[in-house]
C-alpha atoms as a PDB file:
ATOM      1  CA  MET A   1      34.530-146.084-121.360  1.00  0.00           C
ATOM      2  CA  SER A   2      36.130-149.505-120.818  1.00  0.00           C
ATOM      3  CA  ARG A   3      35.632-150.064-124.707  1.00  0.00           C
ATOM      4  CA  TYR A   4      37.880-146.801-125.475  1.00  0.00           C
ATOM      5  CA  LEU A   5      40.541-147.820-123.267  1.00  0.00           C
ATOM      6  CA  THR A   6      40.863-151.048-124.846  1.00  0.00           C
ATOM      7  CA  SER A   7      40.723-149.822-128.056  1.00  0.00           C
ATOM      8  CA  MET A   8      43.452-147.476-127.376  1.00  0.00           C
ATOM      9  CA  ALA A   9      45.533-150.155-125.560  1.00  0.00           C
ATOM     10  CA  ILE A  10      45.728-152.384-128.835  1.00  0.00           C
ATOM     11  CA  ARG A  11      46.043-149.092-130.841  1.00  0.00           C
ATOM     12  CA  THR A  12      49.397-148.481-128.657  1.00  0.00           C
ATOM     13  CA  VAL A  13      50.462-152.388-129.340  1.00  0.00           C
ATOM     14  CA  CYS A  14      50.002-151.618-133.020  1.00  0.00           C
ATOM     15  CA  VAL A  15      52.070-148.463-132.812  1.00  0.00           C
ATOM     16  CA  LEU A  16      54.878-150.064-130.776  1.00  0.00           C
ATOM     17  CA  LEU A  17      54.718-152.996-133.486  1.00  0.00           C
ATOM     18  CA  VAL A  18      54.929-151.024-136.419  1.00  0.00           C
ATOM     19  CA  VAL A  19      58.352-149.625-134.958  1.00  0.00           C
ATOM     20  CA  VAL A  20      59.518-153.226-133.877  1.00  0.00           C
ATOM     21  CA  VAL A  21      58.187-155.119-136.733  1.00  0.00           C
ATOM     22  CA  HIS A  22      60.557-155.382-140.443  1.00  0.00           C
ATOM     23  CA  SER A  23      58.524-157.156-142.448  1.00  0.00           C
ATOM     24  CA  PRO A  24      55.202-156.500-144.851  1.00  0.00           C
ATOM     25  CA  VAL A  25      52.904-157.119-141.714  1.00  0.00           C
ATOM     26  CA  ARG A  26      54.016-153.897-140.330  1.00  0.00           C
ATOM     27  CA  TRP A  27      51.454-152.201-142.743  1.00  0.00           C
ATOM     28  CA  VAL A  28      48.817-154.036-140.891  1.00  0.00           C
ATOM     29  CA  PHE A  29      49.606-152.675-137.682  1.00  0.00           C
ATOM     30  CA  ALA A  30      49.987-149.236-139.310  1.00  0.00           C
ATOM     31  CA  VAL A  31      46.458-149.544-140.564  1.00  0.00           C
ATOM     32  CA  GLY A  32      45.603-150.634-136.935  1.00  0.00           C
ATOM     33  CA  ALA A  33      47.107-147.551-135.323  1.00  0.00           C
ATOM     34  CA  VAL A  34      45.678-145.199-137.775  1.00  0.00           C
ATOM     35  CA  GLY A  35      41.811-146.691-138.148  1.00  0.00           C
ATOM     36  CA  LEU A  36      41.518-147.609-134.658  1.00  0.00           C
ATOM     37  CA  PRO A  37      40.836-144.408-132.776  1.00  0.00           C
ATOM     38  CA  TYR A  38      38.173-143.330-135.618  1.00  0.00           C
ATOM     39  CA  VAL A  39      36.403-146.805-134.823  1.00  0.00           C
ATOM     40  CA  ALA A  40      36.638-146.245-130.974  1.00  0.00           C
ATOM     41  CA  VAL A  41      35.181-142.849-131.128  1.00  0.00           C
ATOM     42  CA  VAL A  42      32.184-143.916-133.706  1.00  0.00           C
ATOM     43  CA  MET A  43      31.223-146.567-131.255  1.00  0.00           C
ATOM     44  CA  ALA A  44      31.591-144.535-128.168  1.00  0.00           C
ATOM     45  CA  ASN A  45      29.253-141.962-129.727  1.00  0.00           C
ATOM     46  CA  ALA A  46      26.816-144.700-131.111  1.00  0.00           C
ATOM     47  CA  ARG A  47      26.810-145.982-127.576  1.00  0.00           C
ATOM     48  CA  ARG A  48      25.998-142.531-126.020  1.00  0.00           C
ATOM     49  CA  SER A  49      23.465-141.292-128.423  1.00  0.00           C
ATOM     50  CA  GLY A  50      21.210-144.116-127.698  1.00  0.00           C
ATOM     51  CA  ARG A  51      20.708-143.592-123.901  1.00  0.00           C
ATOM     52  CA  GLY A  52      18.497-139.942-124.051  1.00  0.00           C
ATOM     53  CA  ALA A  53      18.092-136.859-125.240  1.00  0.00           C
ATOM     54  CA  ASP A  54      20.810-134.978-127.031  1.00  0.00           C
ATOM     55  CA  PRO A  55      21.799-131.940-125.040  1.00  0.00           C
ATOM     56  CA  ILE A  56      21.945-129.810-128.280  1.00  0.00           C
ATOM     57  CA  THR A  57      18.447-130.083-129.568  1.00  0.00           C
ATOM     58  CA  THR A  58      16.577-130.112-126.243  1.00  0.00           C
ATOM     59  CA  PRO A  59      15.714-126.705-125.237  1.00  0.00           C
ATOM     60  CA  SER A  60      16.831-125.242-121.719  1.00  0.00           C
ATOM     61  CA  ARG A  61      14.586-124.967-119.013  1.00  0.00           C
ATOM     62  CA  GLY A  62      14.839-121.074-119.101  1.00  0.00           C
ATOM     63  CA  ALA A  63      13.668-120.874-123.037  1.00  0.00           C
ATOM     64  CA  VAL A  64      10.567-123.071-122.747  1.00  0.00           C
ATOM     65  CA  GLY A  65       7.784-119.929-122.334  1.00  0.00           C
ATOM     66  CA  ALA A  66      10.244-117.286-121.979  1.00  0.00           C
ATOM     67  CA  ALA A  67       8.493-113.833-122.548  1.00  0.00           C
ATOM     68  CA  PRO A  68       9.822-112.450-125.999  1.00  0.00           C
ATOM     69  CA  SER A  69      11.835-109.184-125.185  1.00  0.00           C
ATOM     70  CA  GLU A  70      10.546-105.542-125.525  1.00  0.00           C
ATOM     71  CA  PRO A  71      11.566-103.833-128.695  1.00  0.00           C
ATOM     72  CA  THR A  72      14.062-101.202-128.284  1.00  0.00           C
ATOM     73  CA  VAL A  73      13.034 -97.464-129.365  1.00  0.00           C
ATOM     74  CA  GLY A  74      15.899 -95.817-131.114  1.00  0.00           C
ATOM     75  CA  PRO A  75      16.600 -93.064-133.355  1.00  0.00           C
ATOM     76  CA  ASP A  76      15.778 -94.528-136.334  1.00  0.00           C
ATOM     77  CA  SER A  77      11.933 -95.514-135.510  1.00  0.00           C
ATOM     78  CA  ALA A  78       8.985 -94.051-136.117  1.00  0.00           C
ATOM     79  CA  GLU A  79       7.256 -92.523-133.082  1.00  0.00           C
END
């Protein structure tokens, strides 16, 4: 979280410098302002994914060993 906040603080400075600086260096600050959010999110997600299991691929407790549902009998069934 602190790395992300630091990156966003640097981005804020870059955005302000794009407005204030009137030389070709302005484009360096513009690239920083546009690219830093992507880098910050990738770093945050890479850091988080190494800690434990992915909640999307880990089955929930209720789904493990649950009994299949009973088939429904309708007008199209052959009884």
